[in-house]
Amino acid sequence: MKQHKLMLKLKKASKAAGKKDHVGAIHICKQVLSKDIDNINALKLLATSFIALNRFSEAKNILKKVIPLVNKQDSYLLLHLLGCNYISQQDYHAALPVLEEVFNSSGDSKVLLDVALVYFKLGDYEAARDVYFKLIELEPDNHQAKFNLYPILLHFKDYKSAWTCFHSRIERQEIKDQVHWFAAKWAGEPLTDKNILIYPEQGIGDNLSYTGCFAEAIADAKQTHIVCDNRLKGLYQHNFPTAIIHSYDDVNREQAVKGDFDCQILAGSLPYFYRLDEEAFLNEPKLQISDELQQAKASRLSDKKLKIGISWFHGRVNDGNANSMYLEELLPLLKMENIEWINLQFGDWQSEVDALQRKYGTEITHFEDCAASGDFEHYGALISSLDLVISASNAALMFASRLGVRSWMFLPAAQKLLQREDFNEAISLRQERRFYRSNDEGWEGIIQQMCNEIELL
């Protein structure tokens, strides 16, 4: 194949990759390499296309081949890509020396973000902290580094610094894009004569987690306004009766906010002012549901020994991501006797429940009038009536914990980070227990452990 034809092929491959047709790009690159086995551009494009398709082993082999063929600057870029490839494979021990070599040779501070992440994943939190400190010293406005650093600082009980780092997320572009500022940012000045607006975070679970700070802001301010998803309006009005609640649907958040405000704060930034020691977390009030409403929901449940709520995936659709499991994987639990299983799942769950019922006759109770897609005061009344909630890391789990209901959360091994029982009891979800699977196993071990422990309840 003549050189100009090779170049045309490569342009075609690059165009395909640009349109996210990575399979097509791979096919064309292989055609080029069949005629020019060391074509650097084809090798680089082939490697990046493999990575885009999560075909990491093939990408690694290509990268190892191409790195010796390129100039020094390109070799740094490709080594960085190789290190990130190892991270994607969760091979952190292999990633670390590659990424450190790139930084030591190139001085590119951007690589430090990945170096710190690797130390974090390996559980070396001191090293991760020090790398983030170094990166922030080199790039004071690196808000991603500050955001990644904050849970590590919480681990070391450096609360003020931790929340300072987390508070800086308001400078990240994705936060800027979703927040409308109606007043000046609250900087901690006295609120005695001020009207403050508390603006929501992105996820409903995140918003629930920060409600523990609302009472203090309400007590300090002349008047507190709280913006929330429509589903939270009744719950907030019951728990924060002196606040003015502005509720919105998916499309009119900005239009829903009316009033005269002196200052504004994101809900997630309230701990920056109100959670500076462990005692503050321990004294955090739980969310409350009216006795009448809770009893009404409880009366609809069966007389079985245990009533357990389940939510098995994160998000609207179960795409099988690392934080989710498929409902059928819960079958050993669902087959246990004398337990009523109650559906707490949000999103597209119906097909999985129906398929399991047809295949195994499994029954999962669902109450449409107190579902996750509706009024959270009713949803919370149902959750409050349960003996236990088993869930992925999502709003159901967060809500159960904020209500003081015993909660078990299942997580992949990659999230087994910063865990000390005393620390979590003090500053995190006090009713929550975490079950982690190992890197080399599915969810079977966790499910069996839960079965064994439920037998003891």
Protein backbone atom coordinates (compact mmCIF):
# COMPACT_ATOMS: atom_id res chain seq x y z
CA MET A 1 0.00 0.00 0.00
CA LYS A 2 1.53 3.29 -1.09
CA GLN A 3 2.25 6.00 1.46
CA HIS A 4 -0.50 8.39 0.35
CA LYS A 5 -3.05 5.56 0.51
CA LEU A 6 -1.88 4.76 4.02
CA MET A 7 -2.40 8.39 5.00
CA LEU A 8 -5.91 8.35 3.55
CA LYS A 9 -6.67 5.19 5.49
CA LEU A 10 -5.41 6.79 8.70
CA LYS A 11 -7.54 9.87 8.12
CA LYS A 12 -10.52 7.60 7.65
CA ALA A 13 -9.67 5.74 10.87
CA SER A 14 -9.26 9.00 12.77
CA LYS A 15 -12.61 10.23 11.45
CA ALA A 16 -14.27 6.99 12.55
CA ALA A 17 -12.78 7.32 16.04
CA GLY A 18 -13.97 10.93 16.19
CA LYS A 19 -17.50 9.66 15.54
CA LYS A 20 -16.99 7.04 18.28
CA ASP A 21 -16.94 4.24 15.72
CA HIS A 22 -14.00 2.64 17.49
CA VAL A 23 -14.63 -0.80 16.01
CA GLY A 24 -14.36 0.73 12.55
CA ALA A 25 -11.22 2.63 13.54
CA ILE A 26 -9.62 -0.59 14.81
CA HIS A 27 -10.45 -2.41 11.57
CA ILE A 28 -8.87 0.32 9.43
CA CYS A 29 -5.78 0.61 11.66
CA LYS A 30 -5.21 -3.13 11.35
CA GLN A 31 -5.40 -2.79 7.56
CA VAL A 32 -2.69 -0.11 7.70
CA LEU A 33 -0.50 -2.17 10.05
CA SER A 34 -0.76 -5.19 7.76
CA LYS A 35 1.18 -3.11 5.22
CA ASP A 36 3.30 -1.01 7.62
CA ILE A 37 3.77 -2.95 10.86
CA ASP A 38 5.49 -0.09 12.74
CA ASN A 39 3.22 2.75 11.64
CA ILE A 40 3.27 4.90 14.77
CA ASN A 41 0.07 6.82 14.07
CA ALA A 42 -1.86 3.63 13.41
CA LEU A 43 -0.52 2.04 16.59
CA LYS A 44 -1.44 5.07 18.71
CA LEU A 45 -4.95 5.27 17.27
CA LEU A 46 -5.37 1.52 17.67
CA ALA A 47 -4.40 1.71 21.35
CA THR A 48 -6.76 4.59 22.12
CA SER A 49 -9.61 2.83 20.29
CA PHE A 50 -9.04 -0.32 22.33
CA ILE A 51 -9.18 1.77 25.51
CA ALA A 52 -12.41 3.44 24.39
CA LEU A 53 -13.93 -0.04 24.11
CA ASN A 54 -12.53 -1.13 27.50
CA ARG A 55 -10.29 -3.67 25.76
CA PHE A 56 -7.45 -2.84 28.11
CA SER A 57 -5.23 -5.89 27.65
CA GLU A 58 -5.04 -5.32 23.89
CA ALA A 59 -4.38 -1.61 24.45
CA LYS A 60 -1.55 -2.40 26.87
CA ASN A 61 0.18 -4.66 24.35
CA ILE A 62 -0.01 -1.99 21.64
CA LEU A 63 1.26 0.76 23.96
CA LYS A 64 4.26 -1.32 25.01
CA LYS A 65 5.10 -1.79 21.35
CA VAL A 66 4.73 1.83 20.26
CA ILE A 67 6.45 3.62 23.18
CA PRO A 68 10.03 2.72 22.07
CA LEU A 69 9.27 3.96 18.55
CA VAL A 70 8.27 7.55 19.36
CA ASN A 71 10.07 10.70 20.46
CA LYS A 72 10.50 11.54 24.13
CA GLN A 73 7.48 13.83 24.40
CA ASP A 74 5.17 11.32 22.75
CA SER A 75 6.59 8.56 24.94
CA TYR A 76 5.53 10.52 28.04
CA LEU A 77 2.00 10.86 26.69
CA LEU A 78 1.82 7.17 25.84
CA LEU A 79 3.32 6.08 29.16
CA HIS A 80 0.70 8.20 30.90
CA LEU A 81 -1.93 6.47 28.79
CA LEU A 82 -0.45 3.10 29.76
CA GLY A 83 -0.58 4.03 33.44
CA CYS A 84 -4.22 5.06 33.12
CA ASN A 85 -4.85 1.78 31.32
CA TYR A 86 -3.50 -0.09 34.36
CA ILE A 87 -5.79 1.98 36.59
CA SER A 88 -8.78 0.98 34.46
CA GLN A 89 -7.80 -2.65 35.01
CA GLN A 90 -7.45 -1.97 38.76
CA ASP A 91 -3.79 -3.04 38.48
CA TYR A 92 -2.60 -0.24 40.75
CA HIS A 93 0.77 -1.78 41.57
CA ALA A 94 1.62 -1.80 37.86
CA ALA A 95 0.27 1.72 37.34
CA LEU A 96 2.30 3.42 40.08
CA PRO A 97 5.88 3.07 38.72
CA VAL A 98 4.74 3.97 35.21
CA LEU A 99 3.01 7.16 36.32
CA GLU A 100 5.82 8.16 38.67
CA GLU A 101 8.31 7.69 35.83
CA VAL A 102 6.24 10.01 33.64
CA PHE A 103 6.17 12.72 36.30
CA ASN A 104 9.84 12.40 37.24
CA SER A 105 10.88 12.54 33.58
CA SER A 106 8.45 15.13 32.25
CA GLY A 107 7.55 17.22 35.30
CA ASP A 108 3.96 17.26 34.05
CA SER A 109 1.92 18.08 37.15
CA LYS A 110 -1.27 16.73 35.57
CA VAL A 111 0.11 13.22 36.04
CA LEU A 112 0.05 13.73 39.82
CA LEU A 113 -3.75 13.52 39.82
CA ASP A 114 -3.43 9.91 38.68
CA VAL A 115 -0.48 9.16 40.98
CA ALA A 116 -2.51 10.32 43.97
CA LEU A 117 -5.49 8.28 42.83
CA VAL A 118 -3.34 5.14 42.69
CA TYR A 119 -2.01 5.68 46.22
CA PHE A 120 -5.60 6.26 47.33
CA LYS A 121 -6.76 3.01 45.74
CA LEU A 122 -3.84 1.16 47.35
CA GLY A 123 -4.88 2.46 50.76
CA ASP A 124 -1.76 4.58 51.31
CA TYR A 125 -3.67 7.69 52.35
CA GLU A 126 -0.66 9.59 53.66
CA ALA A 127 1.11 9.24 50.32
CA ALA A 128 -2.06 10.20 48.45
CA ARG A 129 -2.50 13.25 50.68
CA ASP A 130 1.10 14.35 50.14
CA VAL A 131 0.82 14.00 46.35
CA TYR A 132 -2.37 16.07 46.33
CA PHE A 133 -0.65 18.71 48.48
CA LYS A 134 2.22 18.80 45.97
CA LEU A 135 -0.17 19.11 43.04
CA ILE A 136 -2.13 21.92 44.69
CA GLU A 137 1.14 23.71 45.46
CA LEU A 138 2.00 23.53 41.75
CA GLU A 139 -1.56 24.28 40.61
CA PRO A 140 -3.40 26.29 43.31
CA ASP A 141 -6.58 26.39 41.21
CA ASN A 142 -6.78 22.64 40.61
CA HIS A 143 -10.25 22.14 42.08
CA GLN A 144 -10.41 18.49 41.04
CA ALA A 145 -7.37 17.79 43.23
CA LYS A 146 -9.00 19.60 46.15
CA PHE A 147 -12.22 17.67 45.65
CA ASN A 148 -10.32 14.36 45.65
CA LEU A 149 -8.31 15.41 48.71
CA TYR A 150 -11.24 16.22 50.99
CA PRO A 151 -12.24 12.64 52.01
CA ILE A 152 -8.60 11.89 52.83
CA LEU A 153 -8.45 14.92 55.11
CA LEU A 154 -11.68 13.78 56.75
CA HIS A 155 -9.98 10.46 57.38
CA PHE A 156 -7.21 12.29 59.25
CA LYS A 157 -9.84 14.34 61.13
CA ASP A 158 -8.64 17.60 59.62
CA TYR A 159 -12.22 18.74 59.27
CA LYS A 160 -11.72 22.41 58.50
CA SER A 161 -9.21 21.71 55.73
CA ALA A 162 -11.37 18.89 54.39
CA TRP A 163 -14.49 21.02 54.08
CA THR A 164 -12.41 23.88 52.66
CA CYS A 165 -11.32 21.55 49.86
CA PHE A 166 -14.86 20.29 49.31
CA HIS A 167 -16.25 23.82 49.38
CA SER A 168 -13.92 24.73 46.50
CA ARG A 169 -15.93 22.46 44.19
CA ILE A 170 -18.16 25.45 43.45
CA GLU A 171 -15.38 26.56 41.08
CA ARG A 172 -15.61 23.34 39.04
CA GLN A 173 -17.31 23.87 35.69
CA GLU A 174 -19.92 21.14 36.15
CA ILE A 175 -21.04 22.81 39.39
CA LYS A 176 -21.08 26.25 37.80
CA ASP A 177 -23.27 24.89 35.02
CA GLN A 178 -25.92 23.55 37.38
CA VAL A 179 -26.06 26.31 40.03
CA HIS A 180 -27.87 29.62 39.64
CA TRP A 181 -26.78 32.26 42.14
CA PHE A 182 -29.58 34.49 43.38
CA ALA A 183 -27.43 36.21 46.02
CA ALA A 184 -23.85 36.53 47.24
CA LYS A 185 -22.16 33.34 48.46
CA TRP A 186 -22.39 33.00 52.23
CA ALA A 187 -18.88 33.25 53.70
CA GLY A 188 -19.71 32.48 57.32
CA GLU A 189 -20.68 35.95 58.52
CA PRO A 190 -23.44 36.15 61.19
CA LEU A 191 -26.88 35.33 59.82
CA THR A 192 -28.91 37.00 62.58
CA ASP A 193 -30.39 39.66 60.30
CA LYS A 194 -30.08 37.79 56.99
CA ASN A 195 -32.27 35.73 54.70
CA ILE A 196 -30.25 32.76 53.45
CA LEU A 197 -31.02 30.50 50.50
CA ILE A 198 -29.86 26.86 50.65
CA TYR A 199 -29.46 25.59 47.09
CA PRO A 200 -29.56 21.86 46.28
CA GLU A 201 -26.82 19.52 45.15
CA GLN A 202 -27.13 17.38 42.04
CA GLY A 203 -28.46 14.08 43.42
CA ILE A 204 -31.47 13.61 45.69
CA GLY A 205 -29.43 11.29 47.92
CA ASP A 206 -26.73 13.94 48.28
CA ASN A 207 -29.34 16.49 49.28
CA LEU A 208 -30.75 14.17 51.93
CA SER A 209 -27.29 13.63 53.39
CA TYR A 210 -26.82 17.35 54.04
CA THR A 211 -30.20 17.92 55.71
CA GLY A 212 -28.50 17.25 59.04
CA CYS A 213 -27.07 20.78 58.89
CA PHE A 214 -30.32 22.53 58.00
CA ALA A 215 -31.58 22.99 61.56
CA GLU A 216 -28.45 24.93 62.55
CA ALA A 217 -28.68 27.27 59.57
CA ILE A 218 -32.37 27.82 60.29
CA ALA A 219 -31.61 28.63 63.94
CA ASP A 220 -28.88 31.11 62.97
CA ALA A 221 -30.67 32.98 60.19
CA LYS A 222 -33.44 35.54 60.24
CA GLN A 223 -35.19 33.47 57.55
CA THR A 224 -34.04 30.34 55.72
CA HIS A 225 -35.20 29.40 52.24
CA ILE A 226 -34.54 25.86 50.96
CA VAL A 227 -34.71 24.77 47.33
CA CYS A 228 -35.59 21.12 46.71
CA ASP A 229 -36.93 18.58 44.27
CA ASN A 230 -40.75 18.36 44.31
CA ARG A 231 -40.49 14.88 45.82
CA LEU A 232 -38.86 16.33 48.95
CA LYS A 233 -41.27 19.21 49.56
CA GLY A 234 -43.58 17.50 52.06
CA LEU A 235 -40.67 15.91 53.91
CA TYR A 236 -38.89 19.26 54.23
CA GLN A 237 -42.02 21.11 55.31
CA HIS A 238 -42.60 18.57 58.07
CA ASN A 239 -38.99 18.62 59.30
CA PHE A 240 -38.23 22.33 58.81
CA PRO A 241 -41.57 24.08 59.41
CA THR A 242 -40.13 27.58 59.87
CA ALA A 243 -38.21 27.49 56.59
CA ILE A 244 -39.68 28.56 53.27
CA ILE A 245 -39.51 25.65 50.83
CA HIS A 246 -39.13 26.28 47.09
CA SER A 247 -39.82 23.08 45.15
CA TYR A 248 -39.11 22.41 41.48
CA ASP A 249 -39.56 19.73 38.87
CA ASP A 250 -36.87 18.59 36.45
CA VAL A 251 -37.02 21.65 34.22
CA ASN A 252 -37.79 24.78 36.23
CA ARG A 253 -35.41 24.96 39.17
CA GLU A 254 -34.47 28.60 38.57
CA GLN A 255 -38.05 29.73 37.95
CA ALA A 256 -39.22 28.05 41.18
CA VAL A 257 -37.07 30.30 43.37
CA LYS A 258 -38.76 33.56 44.34
CA GLY A 259 -37.73 35.83 47.17
CA ASP A 260 -35.36 38.42 48.53
CA PHE A 261 -32.13 36.78 49.68
CA ASP A 262 -29.08 38.27 51.36
CA CYS A 263 -26.85 35.25 50.78
CA GLN A 264 -26.82 31.76 49.34
CA ILE A 265 -24.99 28.49 49.96
CA LEU A 266 -24.96 25.05 48.38
CA ALA A 267 -26.37 22.41 50.71
CA GLY A 268 -23.13 20.44 50.54
CA SER A 269 -21.12 23.41 51.78
CA LEU A 270 -23.00 23.68 55.08
CA PRO A 271 -20.60 21.23 56.82
CA TYR A 272 -17.85 23.77 56.10
CA PHE A 273 -19.44 25.88 58.85
CA TYR A 274 -21.30 23.33 60.98
CA ARG A 275 -19.31 20.07 61.01
CA LEU A 276 -15.87 20.93 62.34
CA ASP A 277 -15.54 18.13 64.91
CA GLU A 278 -16.87 14.64 65.59
CA GLU A 279 -19.28 15.84 68.27
CA ALA A 280 -21.13 17.90 65.69
CA PHE A 281 -21.79 14.74 63.66
CA LEU A 282 -22.85 12.73 66.68
CA ASN A 283 -25.46 15.34 67.62
CA GLU A 284 -26.93 15.50 64.11
CA PRO A 285 -30.74 15.14 64.19
CA LYS A 286 -32.44 12.44 62.13
CA LEU A 287 -35.20 13.16 59.67
CA GLN A 288 -38.67 12.58 61.10
CA ILE A 289 -41.89 11.12 59.68
CA SER A 290 -45.25 11.76 61.33
CA ASP A 291 -46.42 8.86 63.50
CA GLU A 292 -49.79 8.80 61.77
CA LEU A 293 -48.28 8.46 58.31
CA GLN A 294 -45.72 5.88 59.40
CA GLN A 295 -48.36 3.76 61.12
CA ALA A 296 -50.57 3.90 58.04
CA LYS A 297 -47.79 2.44 55.91
CA ALA A 298 -46.82 -0.15 58.52
CA SER A 299 -50.40 -1.44 58.68
CA ARG A 300 -50.19 -2.49 55.02
CA LEU A 301 -47.22 -4.79 55.54
CA SER A 302 -47.53 -8.51 56.19
CA ASP A 303 -47.19 -10.30 59.53
CA LYS A 304 -43.96 -11.99 58.48
CA LYS A 305 -41.06 -11.89 60.93
CA LEU A 306 -38.97 -9.37 58.97
CA LYS A 307 -39.81 -6.60 56.53
CA ILE A 308 -36.76 -5.74 54.44
CA GLY A 309 -36.49 -3.09 51.74
CA ILE A 310 -34.25 -3.64 48.72
CA SER A 311 -32.73 -1.36 46.11
CA TRP A 312 -30.17 -3.02 43.88
CA PHE A 313 -28.84 -0.45 41.44
CA HIS A 314 -27.68 3.15 41.28
CA GLY A 315 -29.32 5.56 38.84
CA ARG A 316 -32.37 5.33 36.61
CA VAL A 317 -31.24 2.29 34.60
CA ASN A 318 -29.48 -0.87 35.74
CA ASP A 319 -26.50 -0.93 33.40
CA GLY A 320 -24.56 -3.44 35.49
CA ASN A 321 -22.02 -0.89 36.71
CA ALA A 322 -19.65 -1.70 39.57
CA ASN A 323 -21.97 -0.14 42.17
CA SER A 324 -24.99 -2.20 41.15
CA MET A 325 -26.08 -5.81 40.92
CA TYR A 326 -28.80 -7.53 38.95
CA LEU A 327 -31.88 -8.52 40.92
CA GLU A 328 -31.38 -12.22 40.21
CA GLU A 329 -28.08 -12.08 42.09
CA LEU A 330 -30.14 -11.38 45.22
CA LEU A 331 -32.09 -14.62 44.80
CA PRO A 332 -30.55 -16.43 47.82
CA LEU A 333 -31.82 -13.57 49.99
CA LEU A 334 -35.21 -13.38 48.31
CA LYS A 335 -35.79 -17.12 48.85
CA MET A 336 -35.36 -16.84 52.63
CA GLU A 337 -38.47 -17.76 54.60
CA ASN A 338 -40.69 -15.53 56.72
CA ILE A 339 -39.44 -12.28 55.13
CA GLU A 340 -41.46 -9.73 53.20
CA TRP A 341 -39.30 -7.99 50.60
CA ILE A 342 -40.31 -4.44 49.74
CA ASN A 343 -39.22 -2.67 46.58
CA LEU A 344 -37.47 0.65 47.23
CA GLN A 345 -35.82 0.87 43.81
CA PHE A 346 -36.03 4.03 41.67
CA GLY A 347 -35.98 3.99 37.89
CA ASP A 348 -36.47 1.18 35.39
CA TRP A 349 -36.91 -1.81 37.72
CA GLN A 350 -40.14 -3.41 36.52
CA SER A 351 -38.68 -5.78 33.92
CA GLU A 352 -36.25 -7.34 36.40
CA VAL A 353 -38.96 -7.89 39.02
CA ASP A 354 -41.35 -9.40 36.46
CA ALA A 355 -38.67 -11.68 35.01
CA LEU A 356 -37.72 -12.98 38.45
CA GLN A 357 -41.35 -13.59 39.36
CA ARG A 358 -41.95 -15.59 36.15
CA LYS A 359 -38.76 -17.62 36.55
CA TYR A 360 -38.79 -18.34 40.29
CA GLY A 361 -42.16 -17.20 41.61
CA THR A 362 -40.40 -14.60 43.75
CA GLU A 363 -42.67 -11.99 45.31
CA ILE A 364 -41.50 -8.43 45.93
CA THR A 365 -44.02 -6.00 47.39
CA HIS A 366 -44.40 -2.65 45.65
CA PHE A 367 -46.54 0.27 46.83
CA GLU A 368 -47.02 2.76 44.01
CA ASP A 369 -48.26 5.50 46.37
CA CYS A 370 -45.01 5.45 48.36
CA ALA A 371 -42.47 4.74 45.63
CA ALA A 372 -39.09 6.39 45.08
CA SER A 373 -40.52 8.25 42.09
CA GLY A 374 -43.13 10.00 44.23
CA ASP A 375 -43.53 11.94 47.47
CA PHE A 376 -40.58 11.22 49.75
CA GLU A 377 -42.66 11.82 52.87
CA HIS A 378 -44.70 8.74 51.94
CA TYR A 379 -41.61 6.88 50.70
CA GLY A 380 -39.93 7.69 54.00
CA ALA A 381 -42.95 6.49 55.97
CA LEU A 382 -42.62 3.13 54.25
CA ILE A 383 -38.87 2.96 54.91
CA SER A 384 -39.43 3.88 58.56
CA SER A 385 -41.70 0.84 58.89
CA LEU A 386 -38.97 -1.62 57.86
CA ASP A 387 -36.60 -3.71 59.95
CA LEU A 388 -33.74 -3.37 57.47
CA VAL A 389 -32.82 -1.79 54.14
CA ILE A 390 -30.35 -3.50 51.78
CA SER A 391 -29.22 -1.22 48.99
CA ALA A 392 -26.65 -0.04 46.53
CA SER A 393 -25.09 3.35 47.25
CA ASN A 394 -28.09 5.48 46.28
CA ALA A 395 -30.88 7.67 47.60
CA ALA A 396 -32.76 4.76 49.20
CA LEU A 397 -29.73 3.91 51.32
CA MET A 398 -29.06 7.54 52.21
CA PHE A 399 -32.69 8.17 53.13
CA ALA A 400 -32.91 5.06 55.32
CA SER A 401 -29.79 6.11 57.18
CA ARG A 402 -31.03 9.68 57.70
CA LEU A 403 -34.26 8.22 59.07
CA GLY A 404 -32.33 6.05 61.52
CA VAL A 405 -33.32 2.74 59.89
CA ARG A 406 -30.78 -0.08 59.95
CA SER A 407 -29.10 -0.13 56.52
CA TRP A 408 -26.73 -2.48 54.71
CA MET A 409 -24.92 -1.20 51.64
CA PHE A 410 -23.05 -3.35 49.14
CA LEU A 411 -20.02 -1.88 47.41
CA PRO A 412 -17.26 -2.99 45.01
CA ALA A 413 -13.76 -3.51 46.34
CA ALA A 414 -12.58 -0.32 44.65
CA GLN A 415 -14.63 1.68 47.15
CA LYS A 416 -13.19 -0.03 50.22
CA LEU A 417 -11.45 3.18 51.14
CA LEU A 418 -10.99 5.26 54.25
CA GLN A 419 -12.93 2.81 56.36
CA ARG A 420 -12.53 2.87 60.11
CA GLU A 421 -15.61 1.83 62.03
CA ASP A 422 -15.22 4.48 64.73
CA PHE A 423 -14.69 7.17 62.10
CA ASN A 424 -17.74 6.16 60.08
CA GLU A 425 -19.90 5.95 63.17
CA ALA A 426 -18.89 9.50 64.05
CA ILE A 427 -19.09 11.37 60.78
CA SER A 428 -20.91 9.29 58.24
CA LEU A 429 -24.13 7.30 58.05
CA ARG A 430 -24.53 6.06 61.58
CA GLN A 431 -27.12 3.36 60.83
CA GLU A 432 -25.24 2.05 57.81
CA ARG A 433 -23.13 -1.07 57.48
CA ARG A 434 -20.97 -1.66 54.42
CA PHE A 435 -20.33 -4.96 52.65
CA TYR A 436 -17.45 -5.04 50.16
CA ARG A 437 -16.78 -7.66 47.56
CA SER A 438 -13.23 -8.66 46.68
CA ASN A 439 -11.64 -7.66 43.38
CA ASP A 440 -11.67 -11.23 42.12
CA GLU A 441 -15.23 -12.23 43.00
CA GLY A 442 -18.80 -11.40 42.20
CA TRP A 443 -21.48 -10.60 44.73
CA GLU A 444 -22.01 -14.22 45.89
CA GLY A 445 -19.86 -13.95 49.00
CA ILE A 446 -21.60 -10.78 50.16
CA ILE A 447 -25.06 -12.25 49.55
CA GLN A 448 -24.18 -15.35 51.56
CA GLN A 449 -22.82 -13.22 54.40
CA MET A 450 -26.05 -11.22 54.44
CA CYS A 451 -28.11 -14.44 54.47
CA ASN A 452 -26.16 -15.70 57.46
CA GLU A 453 -26.59 -12.46 59.38
CA ILE A 454 -30.29 -12.13 58.59
CA GLU A 455 -30.80 -15.58 60.13
CA LEU A 456 -29.62 -14.05 63.41
CA LEU A 457 -32.04 -11.11 63.36
